[in-house]
Protein backbone atom coordinates (compact mmCIF):
# COMPACT_ATOMS: atom_id res chain seq x y z
CA UNK A 1 133.67 117.99 89.78
CA UNK A 2 134.75 115.23 87.14
CA UNK A 3 135.71 112.87 89.74
CA UNK A 4 132.25 113.53 91.48
CA UNK A 5 130.47 112.84 88.32
CA UNK A 6 132.17 109.53 87.59
CA UNK A 7 131.81 108.29 91.22
CA UNK A 8 128.05 109.35 91.15
CA UNK A 9 127.56 107.58 87.57
CA UNK A 10 129.12 104.41 89.24
CA UNK A 11 126.95 104.37 92.07
CA UNK A 12 123.84 104.56 90.00
CA UNK A 13 124.92 101.86 87.71
CA UNK A 14 125.58 99.83 90.83
CA UNK A 15 122.02 100.61 92.26
CA UNK A 16 120.28 99.75 88.96
CA UNK A 17 122.09 96.24 88.82
CA UNK A 18 120.97 95.53 92.43
CA UNK A 19 117.45 96.52 91.71
CA UNK A 20 117.25 93.63 89.32
CA UNK A 21 118.97 90.96 91.55
CA UNK A 22 116.58 88.97 94.06
CA UNK A 23 115.29 91.01 96.78
CA UNK A 24 117.27 89.37 99.43
CA UNK A 25 120.72 90.65 97.46
CA UNK A 26 119.20 94.02 97.94
CA UNK A 27 118.18 93.67 101.28
CA UNK A 28 121.73 92.38 102.34
CA UNK A 29 123.51 95.37 100.47
CA UNK A 30 121.21 97.69 102.19
CA UNK A 31 122.27 96.49 105.64
CA UNK A 32 125.86 96.71 104.88
CA UNK A 33 125.60 100.11 103.70
CA UNK A 34 123.44 100.95 106.90
CA UNK A 35 126.33 99.61 108.86
CA UNK A 36 128.80 102.04 107.16
CA UNK A 37 126.33 104.79 107.80
CA UNK A 38 125.79 103.98 111.73
CA UNK A 39 129.50 103.63 111.99
CA UNK A 40 130.09 107.24 110.37
CA UNK A 41 127.39 108.97 112.33
CA UNK A 42 128.93 107.17 115.82
CA UNK A 43 132.48 108.40 114.68
CA UNK A 44 131.14 111.91 114.16
CA UNK A 45 129.53 112.04 117.38
CA UNK A 46 132.44 110.55 119.14
CA UNK A 47 134.66 113.31 117.17
CA UNK A 48 132.43 115.95 118.70
CA UNK A 49 133.20 114.79 122.31
CA UNK A 50 130.25 112.42 123.27
CA UNK A 51 130.80 109.36 125.09
CA UNK A 52 128.15 107.31 122.87
CA UNK A 53 126.93 103.59 123.63
CA UNK A 54 126.89 102.22 120.16
CA UNK A 55 126.78 98.30 120.54
CA UNK A 56 122.97 98.12 120.82
CA UNK A 57 122.66 99.52 117.50
CA UNK A 58 124.75 97.03 116.12
CA UNK A 59 122.85 94.43 118.02
CA UNK A 60 119.51 95.84 116.19
CA UNK A 61 121.02 95.60 112.82
CA UNK A 62 122.50 91.99 113.35
CA UNK A 63 119.35 90.68 114.96
CA UNK A 64 117.10 92.34 112.09
CA UNK A 65 118.39 89.44 109.77
CA UNK A 66 116.93 86.45 111.59
CA UNK A 67 114.02 88.29 112.78
CA UNK A 68 113.15 89.61 109.30
CA UNK A 69 113.50 86.22 107.98
CA UNK A 70 111.15 84.54 110.54
CA UNK A 71 108.97 87.24 111.53
CA UNK A 72 108.92 89.89 108.70
CA UNK A 73 110.82 93.20 108.79
CA UNK A 74 107.74 95.18 110.21
CA UNK A 75 107.34 92.98 112.98
CA UNK A 76 110.90 92.98 114.13
CA UNK A 77 111.72 96.77 113.92
CA UNK A 78 109.65 97.89 117.19
CA UNK A 79 110.89 95.19 119.59
CA UNK A 80 114.43 95.35 118.33
CA UNK A 81 114.45 99.12 118.87
CA UNK A 82 112.70 98.87 122.26
CA UNK A 83 115.65 96.36 123.59
CA UNK A 84 118.21 98.64 121.99
CA UNK A 85 117.06 101.80 123.57
CA UNK A 86 116.56 99.89 127.10
CA UNK A 87 120.09 98.80 126.90
CA UNK A 88 121.38 102.33 126.08
CA UNK A 89 119.71 103.66 129.08
CA UNK A 90 120.88 101.11 131.27
CA UNK A 91 124.71 101.59 130.06
CA UNK A 92 124.32 105.12 130.42
CA UNK A 93 123.02 105.02 134.09
CA UNK A 94 125.42 102.59 135.45
CA UNK A 95 128.34 105.45 134.51
CA UNK A 96 130.05 106.93 137.37
CA UNK A 97 128.89 110.41 135.90
CA UNK A 98 125.90 109.74 133.51
CA UNK A 99 125.22 112.27 131.20
CA UNK A 100 121.80 112.86 129.48
CA UNK A 101 123.42 114.33 126.36
CA UNK A 102 125.41 111.28 125.76
CA UNK A 103 122.19 109.01 126.03
CA UNK A 104 120.59 111.41 123.44
CA UNK A 105 123.63 111.17 120.97
CA UNK A 106 123.58 107.25 121.45
CA UNK A 107 119.92 106.85 120.64
CA UNK A 108 120.13 109.53 117.62
CA UNK A 109 121.66 107.24 115.12
CA UNK A 110 119.20 104.38 115.88
CA UNK A 111 116.19 106.97 114.99
CA UNK A 112 118.04 108.61 112.15
CA UNK A 113 120.01 105.85 110.42
CA UNK A 114 119.06 102.35 111.82
CA UNK A 115 115.26 102.69 112.02
CA UNK A 116 115.26 104.36 108.14
CA UNK A 117 117.65 101.64 106.92
CA UNK A 118 115.33 98.91 108.36
CA UNK A 119 112.81 100.46 106.45
CA UNK A 120 114.63 100.28 103.23
CA UNK A 121 115.26 96.65 104.05
CA UNK A 122 111.51 95.90 104.20
CA UNK A 123 110.83 97.66 100.83
CA UNK A 124 113.76 95.42 99.45
CA UNK A 125 111.46 92.46 100.76
CA UNK A 126 108.47 93.32 99.18
CA UNK A 127 106.12 90.16 98.16
CA UNK A 128 106.48 90.96 94.29
CA UNK A 129 109.66 91.88 92.64
CA UNK A 130 107.97 94.40 90.15
CA UNK A 131 106.47 95.93 93.47
CA UNK A 132 109.94 96.01 95.14
CA UNK A 133 111.66 97.67 92.08
CA UNK A 134 108.98 100.55 91.84
CA UNK A 135 109.16 101.43 95.36
CA UNK A 136 112.86 101.53 95.55
CA UNK A 137 113.14 103.25 92.52
CA UNK A 138 110.88 105.77 94.03
CA UNK A 139 112.68 105.81 97.21
CA UNK A 140 115.96 106.59 95.30
CA UNK A 141 115.03 108.92 92.66
CA UNK A 142 112.94 111.07 94.44
CA UNK A 143 115.67 112.42 96.67
CA UNK A 144 118.48 111.69 94.57
CA UNK A 145 116.96 113.85 91.49
CA UNK A 146 116.12 116.56 94.00
CA UNK A 147 119.39 116.89 95.20
CA UNK A 148 120.54 117.28 91.52
CA UNK A 149 118.09 119.87 90.46
CA UNK A 150 118.50 121.68 94.00
CA UNK A 151 122.53 122.07 93.04
CA UNK A 152 122.11 123.15 89.48
CA UNK A 153 119.22 125.73 90.16
CA UNK A 154 120.92 126.90 93.37
CA UNK A 155 124.29 127.41 91.44
CA UNK A 156 122.64 129.10 88.58
CA UNK A 157 120.05 131.32 90.41
CA UNK A 158 121.65 132.03 93.95
CA UNK A 159 119.63 134.40 96.10
CA UNK A 160 118.31 134.20 99.49
CA UNK A 161 119.83 131.46 101.76
CA UNK A 162 117.52 128.60 102.89
CA UNK A 163 119.11 127.42 106.43
CA UNK A 164 122.49 129.60 106.68
CA UNK A 165 123.12 128.58 110.12
CA UNK A 166 123.44 124.85 108.93
CA UNK A 167 124.47 124.75 105.62
CA UNK A 168 125.30 128.11 104.35
CA UNK A 169 125.35 127.30 100.33
CA UNK A 170 121.64 125.88 100.12
CA UNK A 171 119.43 128.92 98.76
CA UNK A 172 115.41 129.12 98.66
CA UNK A 173 115.78 128.68 94.98
CA UNK A 174 117.77 125.66 95.05
CA UNK A 175 115.16 124.23 97.48
CA UNK A 176 112.23 124.99 95.26
CA UNK A 177 114.29 123.50 92.19
CA UNK A 178 114.97 120.35 94.25
CA UNK A 179 111.11 120.03 94.79
CA UNK A 180 110.57 120.29 91.15
CA UNK A 181 113.17 117.60 90.40
CA UNK A 182 111.55 115.18 93.09
CA UNK A 183 108.14 115.87 91.47
CA UNK A 184 109.55 115.01 88.14
CA UNK A 185 111.38 111.89 89.45
CA UNK A 186 108.23 110.68 91.27
CA UNK A 187 106.09 111.22 88.15
CA UNK A 188 108.67 109.56 85.75
CA UNK A 189 108.60 106.54 87.89
CA UNK A 190 104.80 106.61 87.82
CA UNK A 191 105.07 106.46 84.03
CA UNK A 192 107.69 103.87 83.65
CA UNK A 193 105.57 101.62 86.11
CA UNK A 194 102.41 102.38 84.02
CA UNK A 195 103.99 101.05 80.71
CA UNK A 196 105.84 98.06 82.05
CA UNK A 197 103.65 96.76 84.86
CA UNK A 198 100.49 94.73 84.33
CA UNK A 199 97.14 95.50 85.70
CA UNK A 200 97.63 93.06 88.74
CA UNK A 201 100.88 94.65 89.86
CA UNK A 202 99.43 98.54 89.07
CA UNK A 203 96.71 97.45 91.69
CA UNK A 204 99.31 97.20 94.25
CA UNK A 205 101.29 100.47 93.33
CA UNK A 206 100.28 104.06 94.07
CA UNK A 207 97.88 105.75 91.75
CA UNK A 208 99.08 108.85 89.67
CA UNK A 209 98.26 111.48 92.52
CA UNK A 210 99.66 109.53 95.22
CA UNK A 211 102.96 109.49 93.20
CA UNK A 212 102.62 113.44 92.95
CA UNK A 213 101.91 113.63 96.80
CA UNK A 214 105.20 111.30 97.56
CA UNK A 215 107.07 113.34 95.21
CA UNK A 216 106.09 116.94 96.86
CA UNK A 217 106.30 115.54 100.55
CA UNK A 218 109.42 113.38 99.72
CA UNK A 219 111.36 115.99 98.04
CA UNK A 220 110.68 118.07 101.43
CA UNK A 221 111.68 115.11 103.63
CA UNK A 222 114.65 114.51 101.52
CA UNK A 223 115.73 117.80 102.00
CA UNK A 224 115.17 117.92 105.73
CA UNK A 225 117.43 114.65 105.92
CA UNK A 226 119.87 116.30 104.07
CA UNK A 227 119.84 119.56 106.35
CA UNK A 228 119.99 117.23 109.32
CA UNK A 229 123.15 115.57 108.17
CA UNK A 230 124.66 118.96 107.68
CA UNK A 231 123.89 119.64 111.46
CA UNK A 232 125.46 116.61 112.58
CA UNK A 233 128.62 117.49 110.50
CA UNK A 234 128.56 121.09 111.71
CA UNK A 235 128.10 119.85 115.32
CA UNK A 236 131.23 117.55 115.05
CA UNK A 237 133.20 119.98 113.06
CA UNK A 238 133.81 117.49 109.83
CA UNK A 239 133.11 118.32 106.33
CA UNK A 240 132.18 114.56 105.39
CA UNK A 241 131.37 111.63 107.38
CA UNK A 242 134.25 109.88 105.61
CA UNK A 243 136.17 109.66 102.32
CA UNK A 244 134.17 106.18 101.12
CA UNK A 245 133.35 107.77 97.57
CA UNK A 246 135.71 110.12 96.15
CA UNK A 247 133.98 113.48 95.60
CA UNK A 248 130.88 112.47 97.40
CA UNK A 249 132.24 112.04 100.85
CA UNK A 250 130.88 108.97 102.89
CA UNK A 251 128.01 106.60 102.99
CA UNK A 252 125.90 108.71 105.31
CA UNK A 253 126.64 111.86 102.78
CA UNK A 254 125.00 109.65 100.05
CA UNK A 255 122.12 108.18 102.03
CA UNK A 256 120.96 111.07 104.31
CA UNK A 257 118.06 112.27 102.08
CA UNK A 258 117.19 108.64 100.64
CA UNK A 259 116.80 107.23 104.43
CA UNK A 260 114.34 109.89 105.30
CA UNK A 261 112.58 109.11 102.25
CA UNK A 262 112.73 105.34 102.91
CA UNK A 263 110.60 106.15 106.06
CA UNK A 264 107.87 107.96 104.14
CA UNK A 265 107.66 105.29 101.43
CA UNK A 266 107.54 102.58 104.03
CA UNK A 267 104.81 104.16 105.98
CA UNK A 268 102.74 104.73 102.82
CA UNK A 269 102.93 101.03 101.90
CA UNK A 270 101.86 100.13 105.62
CA UNK A 271 98.80 102.40 105.49
CA UNK A 272 97.94 101.29 101.79
CA UNK A 273 98.29 97.82 102.03
CA UNK A 274 101.64 96.48 103.53
CA UNK A 275 104.86 95.51 102.06
């Protein structure tokens, strides 16, 4: 537990430092982290016996850098993913024994890691620094504080299991506590933004009830992301995606809920004024 706390504190300090650097630094760091996460998920699926086609996913990540610079991240996501999916279909079809399951497993990391990761990159490249910091703070704080509350409340209260077939240790009480933590995180970001941002910046940010909704929906989405990662690990017969972070597992173990939240925040910004 002590090692877990120390590692978690160091990761939070690293994230806080990255938020105050130029947006391209955060975007680059995000791409590196997503690269680790993509490798971990493909490695897990390979361990499960699937013959995945992974190189188109790397093509998407590498290609997103110049396209994001010249055309914008939002404009690059759809064509890049379309090309990657087409290449995966072709590579599986030309095999001597094509397997639809292998194709499905090849596509899954693109939908569950690469797409959310590029959404996170897009948030990192917001047109105004203050907007970027608030959006990223919301993206990380809502699922991470939710995870923390779920752990402590679930351990203290116990009770009925939430999804025992996927994650035997998660409880309904912990899930409710996690949602409460996510709402607290969202409203804390809202309060800090109102104190520190000027009127022009606040006009580009969510209003208080939108923070509340993002806390509730984001808390639920983050927990779904966590359960999905648990399902992948159970399917693959592994405890953690890797040993990258002592006491915390791999990159994907840390980002599973954040990635799902990133898609939610990105979609929110697209529908309310763009990133």
